[in-house]
Amino acid sequence: MSNITQVVNTEKNMTTLKKGIVASGLDQVLSGTGPFTVFAPSDMAFGKLESGTIESLLKPENKLKLTSLLNHHVVAGKINFKDLKDGDELKSLDGKKLSVKVKDAKVSIDGATVQNRDVASSNGVIHLLDTVLSN
């Protein structure tokens, strides 16, 4: 089974995330033993950002900002969709909290809706989000 980095590299709606993971060096972390839970913004989610934001973040001089943003989408440990409970607070790799809300069988993380869930990998799980989380 592929690790998180390998899964992101092959998913057709995670191409922007793939660029960010490589540019930030997070691909090395997400290829490690983990386990990790990644709340992965889809290409559509990145498309909601202000024009030029992605291009700016991908510049070498903005590596720290990009790394911080992406780390905000990763939690240590494997958390499957069914384990996400209303009111849960998760600690992301950047040390900040993510709030889980469950309403009408829909789960959101800090207001971003989980669209595709439990994408399995050898070192964790990926949940696709419709919005980039702001840190």
Protein backbone atom coordinates (compact mmCIF):
# COMPACT_ATOMS: atom_id res chain seq x y z
CA MET A 1 0.00 0.00 0.00
CA SER A 2 1.19 3.51 -0.81
CA ASN A 3 2.15 6.07 1.83
CA ILE A 4 0.41 9.46 2.12
CA THR A 5 2.87 11.24 -0.18
CA GLN A 6 2.47 8.56 -2.84
CA VAL A 7 -1.33 8.70 -2.61
CA VAL A 8 -1.33 12.50 -2.96
CA ASN A 9 0.99 12.18 -5.97
CA THR A 10 -1.50 9.95 -7.79
CA GLU A 11 -4.80 11.62 -6.85
CA LYS A 12 -6.09 13.72 -9.74
CA ASN A 13 -7.81 16.32 -7.54
CA MET A 14 -4.80 16.90 -5.25
CA THR A 15 -2.32 18.34 -7.76
CA THR A 16 -2.03 21.70 -5.97
CA LEU A 17 -1.52 19.96 -2.63
CA LYS A 18 1.17 17.80 -4.23
CA LYS A 19 3.08 20.90 -5.39
CA GLY A 20 2.83 22.39 -1.90
CA ILE A 21 3.94 19.22 -0.14
CA VAL A 22 7.02 18.95 -2.35
CA ALA A 23 7.87 22.68 -2.13
CA SER A 24 7.59 22.64 1.68
CA GLY A 25 9.55 19.41 2.17
CA LEU A 26 6.53 17.89 3.92
CA ASP A 27 6.71 15.01 1.45
CA GLN A 28 9.57 13.59 3.54
CA VAL A 29 7.48 13.70 6.74
CA LEU A 30 4.39 12.23 5.08
CA SER A 31 6.49 9.40 3.64
CA GLY A 32 7.59 8.48 7.18
CA THR A 33 6.13 5.90 9.52
CA GLY A 34 3.37 8.10 10.93
CA PRO A 35 0.59 7.46 11.36
CA PHE A 36 -0.88 10.75 10.18
CA THR A 37 -4.32 12.08 9.37
CA VAL A 38 -4.29 14.61 6.55
CA PHE A 39 -7.22 16.95 5.99
CA ALA A 40 -6.31 17.57 2.36
CA PRO A 41 -7.69 20.59 0.51
CA SER A 42 -8.81 19.61 -2.98
CA ASP A 43 -7.76 21.53 -6.07
CA MET A 44 -11.22 23.13 -5.93
CA ALA A 45 -10.50 24.27 -2.35
CA PHE A 46 -7.21 25.87 -3.38
CA GLY A 47 -9.09 27.50 -6.27
CA LYS A 48 -11.20 29.43 -3.72
CA LEU A 49 -8.11 31.28 -2.46
CA GLU A 50 -7.42 34.80 -3.63
CA SER A 51 -5.79 34.92 -7.05
CA GLY A 52 -2.00 34.60 -6.85
CA THR A 53 -1.97 33.09 -3.33
CA ILE A 54 -0.80 29.63 -4.43
CA GLU A 55 1.88 31.00 -6.73
CA SER A 56 3.16 33.21 -3.92
CA LEU A 57 3.21 30.38 -1.36
CA LEU A 58 5.15 28.12 -3.73
CA LYS A 59 8.05 30.60 -3.99
CA PRO A 60 11.17 29.49 -2.09
CA GLU A 61 11.16 32.64 0.07
CA ASN A 62 7.70 31.66 1.39
CA LYS A 63 8.61 28.09 2.35
CA LEU A 64 8.05 28.70 6.08
CA LYS A 65 4.60 30.17 5.48
CA LEU A 66 3.68 27.29 3.14
CA THR A 67 5.00 24.68 5.60
CA SER A 68 3.00 26.23 8.44
CA LEU A 69 -0.18 26.27 6.34
CA LEU A 70 0.22 22.63 5.30
CA ASN A 71 1.16 21.47 8.81
CA HIS A 72 -2.14 22.98 9.94
CA HIS A 73 -3.87 20.30 7.81
CA VAL A 74 -2.04 17.32 9.38
CA VAL A 75 -2.71 15.59 12.69
CA ALA A 76 -0.46 12.96 14.29
CA GLY A 77 -2.26 9.62 14.54
CA LYS A 78 -4.80 7.90 12.32
CA ILE A 79 -8.36 9.20 12.67
CA ASN A 80 -10.95 7.56 10.46
CA PHE A 81 -14.10 9.41 9.44
CA LYS A 82 -16.30 7.41 11.83
CA ASP A 83 -14.04 8.45 14.73
CA LEU A 84 -14.58 12.19 14.18
CA LYS A 85 -17.06 13.35 16.82
CA ASP A 86 -18.88 16.65 17.24
CA GLY A 87 -16.94 18.91 19.59
CA ASP A 88 -13.61 17.10 19.18
CA GLU A 89 -10.52 19.27 19.15
CA LEU A 90 -7.55 17.92 17.24
CA LYS A 91 -4.01 19.24 17.49
CA SER A 92 -2.39 19.83 14.11
CA LEU A 93 1.34 19.54 13.43
CA ASP A 94 1.67 23.32 13.69
CA GLY A 95 0.47 23.05 17.30
CA LYS A 96 -2.89 24.73 16.72
CA LYS A 97 -6.32 23.26 17.35
CA LEU A 98 -8.80 22.06 14.74
CA SER A 99 -12.46 21.94 15.75
CA VAL A 100 -14.68 19.10 14.57
CA LYS A 101 -18.38 19.67 13.96
CA VAL A 102 -20.85 16.97 12.99
CA LYS A 103 -24.32 17.94 11.80
CA ASP A 104 -26.77 15.93 9.69
CA ALA A 105 -24.09 13.27 9.02
CA LYS A 106 -21.77 15.96 7.58
CA VAL A 107 -18.42 16.53 9.20
CA SER A 108 -16.53 19.79 9.06
CA ILE A 109 -13.08 20.73 10.31
CA ASP A 110 -12.83 24.43 11.24
CA GLY A 111 -15.73 25.08 8.85
CA ALA A 112 -14.32 23.09 5.90
CA THR A 113 -16.54 20.17 4.88
CA VAL A 114 -15.05 16.69 4.55
CA GLN A 115 -15.95 15.60 1.02
CA ASN A 116 -14.06 12.40 0.40
CA ARG A 117 -13.16 10.36 3.43
CA ASP A 118 -10.92 7.56 4.58
CA VAL A 119 -8.52 7.52 1.63
CA ALA A 120 -6.27 4.79 3.01
CA SER A 121 -2.48 4.78 2.99
CA SER A 122 0.19 2.67 4.65
CA ASN A 123 1.00 5.41 7.18
CA GLY A 124 -2.37 7.00 7.86
CA VAL A 125 -5.51 8.33 6.25
CA ILE A 126 -6.53 11.29 4.08
CA HIS A 127 -9.84 13.19 4.17
CA LEU A 128 -10.48 15.59 1.30
CA LEU A 129 -11.73 19.08 2.23
CA ASP A 130 -13.68 21.62 0.19
CA THR A 131 -11.83 24.59 1.72
CA VAL A 132 -8.24 25.41 2.72
CA LEU A 133 -7.98 25.78 6.50
CA SER A 134 -6.60 29.11 7.61
CA ASN A 135 -3.97 29.00 10.30
